């Protein structure tokens, strides 16, 4: 495997998301993927950017829900 990249299956397993979710994120432009031959890979930089762009969740973050 390429240094600094993981397969789509490994990315899905490490981030507890389905392949369908990954492909939706790629199609929406929120997750950047690369092709190596027929294999789809996610760079570690792209994985980090995707994770950091996800909305925050919890009591200490801003919320659009009125109390």
N, C-alpha and C. Protein backbone atom coordinates (compact mmCIF):
# COMPACT_ATOMS: atom_id res chain seq x y z
N UNK A 1 0.86 -1.19 0.00
CA UNK A 1 0.00 0.00 0.00
C UNK A 1 0.89 1.24 0.00
N UNK A 2 0.37 2.28 -0.55
CA UNK A 2 1.10 3.54 -0.61
C UNK A 2 1.32 4.11 0.79
N UNK A 3 2.50 4.63 1.02
CA UNK A 3 2.78 5.31 2.29
C UNK A 3 1.91 6.56 2.37
N UNK A 4 1.19 6.76 3.44
CA UNK A 4 0.37 7.95 3.59
C UNK A 4 -1.02 7.84 3.01
N UNK A 5 -1.43 6.61 2.63
CA UNK A 5 -2.77 6.41 2.10
C UNK A 5 -3.31 5.06 2.58
N UNK A 6 -4.63 4.96 2.66
CA UNK A 6 -5.27 3.71 3.06
C UNK A 6 -6.34 3.36 2.03
N UNK A 7 -6.65 2.08 1.94
CA UNK A 7 -7.72 1.65 1.03
C UNK A 7 -9.06 2.18 1.54
N UNK A 8 -10.02 2.22 0.64
CA UNK A 8 -11.35 2.68 1.02
C UNK A 8 -11.93 1.79 2.12
N UNK A 9 -11.74 0.47 1.98
CA UNK A 9 -12.26 -0.45 3.01
C UNK A 9 -11.63 -0.19 4.37
N UNK A 10 -10.34 0.05 4.39
CA UNK A 10 -9.67 0.31 5.67
C UNK A 10 -10.14 1.65 6.25
N UNK A 11 -10.28 2.67 5.39
CA UNK A 11 -10.78 3.96 5.85
C UNK A 11 -12.15 3.79 6.49
N UNK A 12 -13.02 3.02 5.82
CA UNK A 12 -14.37 2.79 6.35
C UNK A 12 -14.31 2.11 7.72
N UNK A 13 -13.47 1.08 7.83
CA UNK A 13 -13.36 0.34 9.08
C UNK A 13 -12.81 1.23 10.20
N UNK A 14 -11.78 2.00 9.90
CA UNK A 14 -11.15 2.85 10.92
C UNK A 14 -12.06 3.99 11.38
N UNK A 15 -13.00 4.40 10.51
CA UNK A 15 -13.87 5.52 10.85
C UNK A 15 -15.31 5.11 11.11
N UNK A 16 -15.56 3.81 11.15
CA UNK A 16 -16.88 3.25 11.46
C UNK A 16 -17.98 3.82 10.56
N UNK A 17 -17.69 3.87 9.27
CA UNK A 17 -18.69 4.30 8.30
C UNK A 17 -18.79 3.24 7.20
N UNK A 18 -19.93 3.18 6.54
CA UNK A 18 -20.12 2.20 5.48
C UNK A 18 -19.47 2.66 4.18
N UNK A 19 -19.29 1.72 3.26
CA UNK A 19 -18.77 2.06 1.93
C UNK A 19 -19.72 3.04 1.24
N UNK A 20 -21.03 2.84 1.42
CA UNK A 20 -22.02 3.73 0.80
C UNK A 20 -21.84 5.16 1.32
N UNK A 21 -21.63 5.30 2.62
CA UNK A 21 -21.40 6.63 3.20
C UNK A 21 -20.14 7.24 2.62
N UNK A 22 -19.07 6.45 2.49
CA UNK A 22 -17.83 6.96 1.90
C UNK A 22 -18.07 7.46 0.49
N UNK A 23 -18.75 6.67 -0.32
CA UNK A 23 -19.00 7.09 -1.70
C UNK A 23 -19.89 8.33 -1.76
N UNK A 24 -20.85 8.45 -0.83
CA UNK A 24 -21.68 9.68 -0.78
C UNK A 24 -20.82 10.89 -0.43
N UNK A 25 -19.91 10.72 0.53
CA UNK A 25 -19.02 11.82 0.92
C UNK A 25 -18.09 12.20 -0.23
N UNK A 26 -17.59 11.22 -0.96
CA UNK A 26 -16.74 11.49 -2.12
C UNK A 26 -17.54 12.22 -3.19
N UNK A 27 -18.74 11.74 -3.50
CA UNK A 27 -19.59 12.36 -4.53
C UNK A 27 -19.96 13.79 -4.17
N UNK A 28 -20.15 14.04 -2.88
CA UNK A 28 -20.52 15.38 -2.41
C UNK A 28 -19.32 16.32 -2.35
N UNK A 29 -18.12 15.77 -2.54
CA UNK A 29 -16.92 16.60 -2.50
C UNK A 29 -16.37 16.85 -1.11
N UNK A 30 -16.91 16.14 -0.12
CA UNK A 30 -16.45 16.33 1.26
C UNK A 30 -15.26 15.43 1.61
N UNK A 31 -15.07 14.37 0.85
CA UNK A 31 -13.96 13.44 1.07
C UNK A 31 -13.22 13.27 -0.25
N UNK A 32 -11.93 13.52 -0.21
CA UNK A 32 -11.12 13.42 -1.43
C UNK A 32 -10.52 12.02 -1.55
N UNK A 33 -10.74 11.39 -2.69
CA UNK A 33 -10.21 10.05 -2.94
C UNK A 33 -9.30 10.08 -4.16
N UNK A 34 -8.44 9.08 -4.23
CA UNK A 34 -7.51 8.92 -5.36
C UNK A 34 -7.70 7.52 -5.92
N UNK A 35 -7.33 7.33 -7.17
CA UNK A 35 -7.36 6.01 -7.78
C UNK A 35 -5.93 5.55 -8.04
N UNK A 36 -5.65 4.32 -7.68
CA UNK A 36 -4.39 3.67 -8.01
C UNK A 36 -4.80 2.42 -8.79
N UNK A 37 -4.77 2.53 -10.10
CA UNK A 37 -5.33 1.46 -10.92
C UNK A 37 -6.82 1.39 -10.67
N UNK A 38 -7.31 0.25 -10.25
CA UNK A 38 -8.73 0.08 -9.94
C UNK A 38 -9.04 0.35 -8.47
N UNK A 39 -8.01 0.49 -7.66
CA UNK A 39 -8.19 0.64 -6.21
C UNK A 39 -8.43 2.10 -5.84
N UNK A 40 -9.40 2.33 -4.97
CA UNK A 40 -9.67 3.66 -4.44
C UNK A 40 -8.95 3.80 -3.11
N UNK A 41 -8.20 4.88 -2.96
CA UNK A 41 -7.48 5.12 -1.71
C UNK A 41 -7.80 6.51 -1.18
N UNK A 42 -7.64 6.65 0.11
CA UNK A 42 -7.84 7.92 0.80
C UNK A 42 -6.50 8.28 1.44
N UNK A 43 -5.99 9.46 1.13
CA UNK A 43 -4.74 9.88 1.77
C UNK A 43 -5.02 10.20 3.24
N UNK A 44 -3.99 10.10 4.04
CA UNK A 44 -4.15 10.42 5.46
C UNK A 44 -4.50 11.89 5.65
N UNK A 45 -3.98 12.76 4.78
CA UNK A 45 -4.31 14.18 4.85
C UNK A 45 -5.78 14.40 4.53
N UNK A 46 -6.31 13.70 3.52
CA UNK A 46 -7.72 13.82 3.16
C UNK A 46 -8.61 13.29 4.28
N UNK A 47 -8.20 12.18 4.89
CA UNK A 47 -8.97 11.61 6.01
C UNK A 47 -9.03 12.59 7.17
N UNK A 48 -7.90 13.22 7.48
CA UNK A 48 -7.85 14.18 8.59
C UNK A 48 -8.73 15.40 8.28
N UNK A 49 -8.64 15.90 7.05
CA UNK A 49 -9.45 17.06 6.65
C UNK A 49 -10.94 16.74 6.74
N UNK A 50 -11.33 15.53 6.29
CA UNK A 50 -12.73 15.12 6.34
C UNK A 50 -13.21 15.06 7.79
N UNK A 51 -12.41 14.45 8.65
CA UNK A 51 -12.79 14.32 10.05
C UNK A 51 -12.93 15.69 10.72
N UNK A 52 -11.99 16.58 10.45
CA UNK A 52 -12.03 17.91 11.07
C UNK A 52 -13.18 18.77 10.53
N UNK A 53 -13.68 18.47 9.34
CA UNK A 53 -14.78 19.23 8.75
C UNK A 53 -16.15 18.75 9.22
N UNK A 54 -16.21 17.60 9.87
CA UNK A 54 -17.49 17.10 10.37
C UNK A 54 -18.04 18.05 11.43
N UNK A 55 -19.37 18.16 11.52
CA UNK A 55 -19.94 19.04 12.54
C UNK A 55 -19.65 18.53 13.95
N UNK A 56 -19.45 19.47 14.84
CA UNK A 56 -19.21 19.13 16.25
C UNK A 56 -20.52 18.68 16.88
N UNK A 57 -20.40 17.88 17.91
CA UNK A 57 -21.57 17.37 18.61
C UNK A 57 -21.29 17.39 20.10
N UNK A 58 -22.22 17.90 20.87
CA UNK A 58 -22.05 17.88 22.31
C UNK A 58 -22.54 19.16 22.96
N UNK A 59 -22.51 19.16 24.27
CA UNK A 59 -23.04 20.27 25.06
C UNK A 59 -22.21 21.54 24.92
N UNK A 60 -20.92 21.41 24.63
CA UNK A 60 -20.06 22.59 24.62
C UNK A 60 -19.93 23.22 23.23
N UNK A 61 -20.70 22.76 22.24
CA UNK A 61 -20.62 23.37 20.91
C UNK A 61 -21.87 24.19 20.64
N UNK A 62 -21.76 25.10 19.69
CA UNK A 62 -22.90 25.93 19.31
C UNK A 62 -23.97 25.05 18.67
N UNK A 63 -25.21 25.41 18.90
CA UNK A 63 -26.30 24.62 18.36
C UNK A 63 -27.33 25.56 17.75
N UNK A 64 -27.96 25.10 16.67
CA UNK A 64 -29.03 25.88 16.03
C UNK A 64 -30.37 25.59 16.65
N UNK A 65 -30.42 24.67 17.61
CA UNK A 65 -31.67 24.28 18.25
C UNK A 65 -31.98 25.26 19.38
N UNK A 66 -33.17 25.84 19.33
CA UNK A 66 -33.58 26.78 20.38
C UNK A 66 -33.95 26.01 21.65
N UNK A 67 -33.57 26.57 22.78
CA UNK A 67 -33.84 25.90 24.06
C UNK A 67 -35.27 26.12 24.50
